[in-house]
Amino acid sequence: EDDFKAASYLLNLREDCPVSTVAFHAQQCSEKYIKAALTYYLIPFQKTHDLSNLFLKIPNPADISLKILFPAV
C-alpha cells in the first residue's frame, strides 16, 4: 500500500508533481497487486517487472475482484 499512498500523495502536488516518480510508484503498486493475485491463486511466475507478462498469466482476469478503498478527502 505504500506505493499507492506515495503516488496519491505526489499527485496532490499538482503542477509540482514529479510525474516520473508517480509513474514509478504506480508501476510498483500494480506489479505487487498482480503478483499477490498470482500467489494467492498458486500461479507460478518468473522474476520480472513486465506487467503485461504477469497479467497474461492470470487465466480469467475478469474472475478476480480486487477492492481498492480510497480515503475520504
Protein backbone atom coordinates (compact mmCIF):
# COMPACT_ATOMS: atom_id res chain seq x y z
CA GLU A 1 0.00 0.00 0.00
CA ASP A 2 2.95 2.34 0.45
CA ASP A 3 3.48 2.70 -3.31
CA PHE A 4 -0.21 3.57 -3.73
CA LYS A 5 -0.02 6.11 -0.89
CA ALA A 6 3.15 7.67 -2.30
CA ALA A 7 1.69 8.05 -5.80
CA SER A 8 -1.53 9.51 -4.40
CA TYR A 9 0.35 11.97 -2.19
CA LEU A 10 2.60 13.13 -5.02
CA LEU A 11 -0.34 13.63 -7.36
CA ASN A 12 -1.75 16.14 -4.89
CA LEU A 13 1.26 18.39 -5.52
CA ARG A 14 -0.47 19.38 -8.78
CA GLU A 15 1.92 21.38 -11.00
CA ASP A 16 4.91 20.47 -8.80
CA CYS A 17 4.13 16.78 -9.15
CA PRO A 18 7.14 14.64 -10.15
CA VAL A 19 5.35 12.66 -12.85
CA SER A 20 8.11 10.09 -13.37
CA THR A 21 8.08 9.28 -9.64
CA VAL A 22 4.30 8.85 -9.68
CA ALA A 23 4.65 6.52 -12.67
CA PHE A 24 7.31 4.51 -10.85
CA HIS A 25 5.14 4.02 -7.76
CA ALA A 26 2.06 3.24 -9.86
CA GLN A 27 4.01 0.54 -11.73
CA GLN A 28 5.34 -0.89 -8.46
CA CYS A 29 1.87 -0.92 -6.94
CA SER A 30 0.37 -2.67 -9.97
CA GLU A 31 3.18 -5.22 -10.10
CA LYS A 32 2.75 -6.08 -6.42
CA TYR A 33 -1.04 -6.45 -6.74
CA ILE A 34 -0.72 -8.74 -9.77
CA LYS A 35 1.97 -10.83 -8.07
CA ALA A 36 -0.19 -11.07 -4.95
CA ALA A 37 -3.11 -12.37 -7.04
CA LEU A 38 -0.86 -14.89 -8.80
CA THR A 39 0.50 -16.07 -5.46
CA TYR A 40 -2.98 -16.32 -3.96
CA TYR A 41 -4.18 -18.47 -6.88
CA LEU A 42 -0.96 -20.56 -6.81
CA ILE A 43 0.02 -19.48 -10.32
CA PRO A 44 3.80 -19.65 -10.80
CA PHE A 45 5.61 -16.69 -12.36
CA GLN A 46 9.18 -15.76 -13.19
CA LYS A 47 11.06 -12.84 -11.72
CA THR A 48 10.01 -9.96 -13.97
CA HIS A 49 8.74 -6.41 -13.86
CA ASP A 50 6.75 -6.79 -17.11
CA LEU A 51 3.14 -6.09 -16.14
CA SER A 52 1.74 -7.46 -19.41
CA ASN A 53 3.65 -10.71 -18.99
CA LEU A 54 2.44 -11.09 -15.42
CA PHE A 55 -1.17 -10.17 -16.19
CA LEU A 56 -1.35 -12.67 -19.06
CA LYS A 57 -0.60 -15.48 -16.60
CA ILE A 58 -4.00 -14.97 -14.95
CA PRO A 59 -6.33 -17.45 -16.72
CA ASN A 60 -9.57 -15.49 -16.20
CA PRO A 61 -8.75 -11.94 -15.09
CA ALA A 62 -12.43 -10.98 -15.07
CA ASP A 63 -13.00 -13.54 -12.29
CA ILE A 64 -10.59 -11.74 -9.96
CA SER A 65 -12.04 -8.94 -7.92
CA LEU A 66 -9.76 -6.52 -6.13
CA LYS A 67 -11.28 -3.85 -3.97
CA ILE A 68 -9.27 -0.66 -3.60
CA LEU A 69 -10.52 1.69 -0.92
CA PHE A 70 -9.84 5.36 -1.46
CA PRO A 71 -9.53 7.53 1.64
CA ALA A 72 -12.11 10.24 2.15
CA VAL A 73 -10.82 13.65 1.11
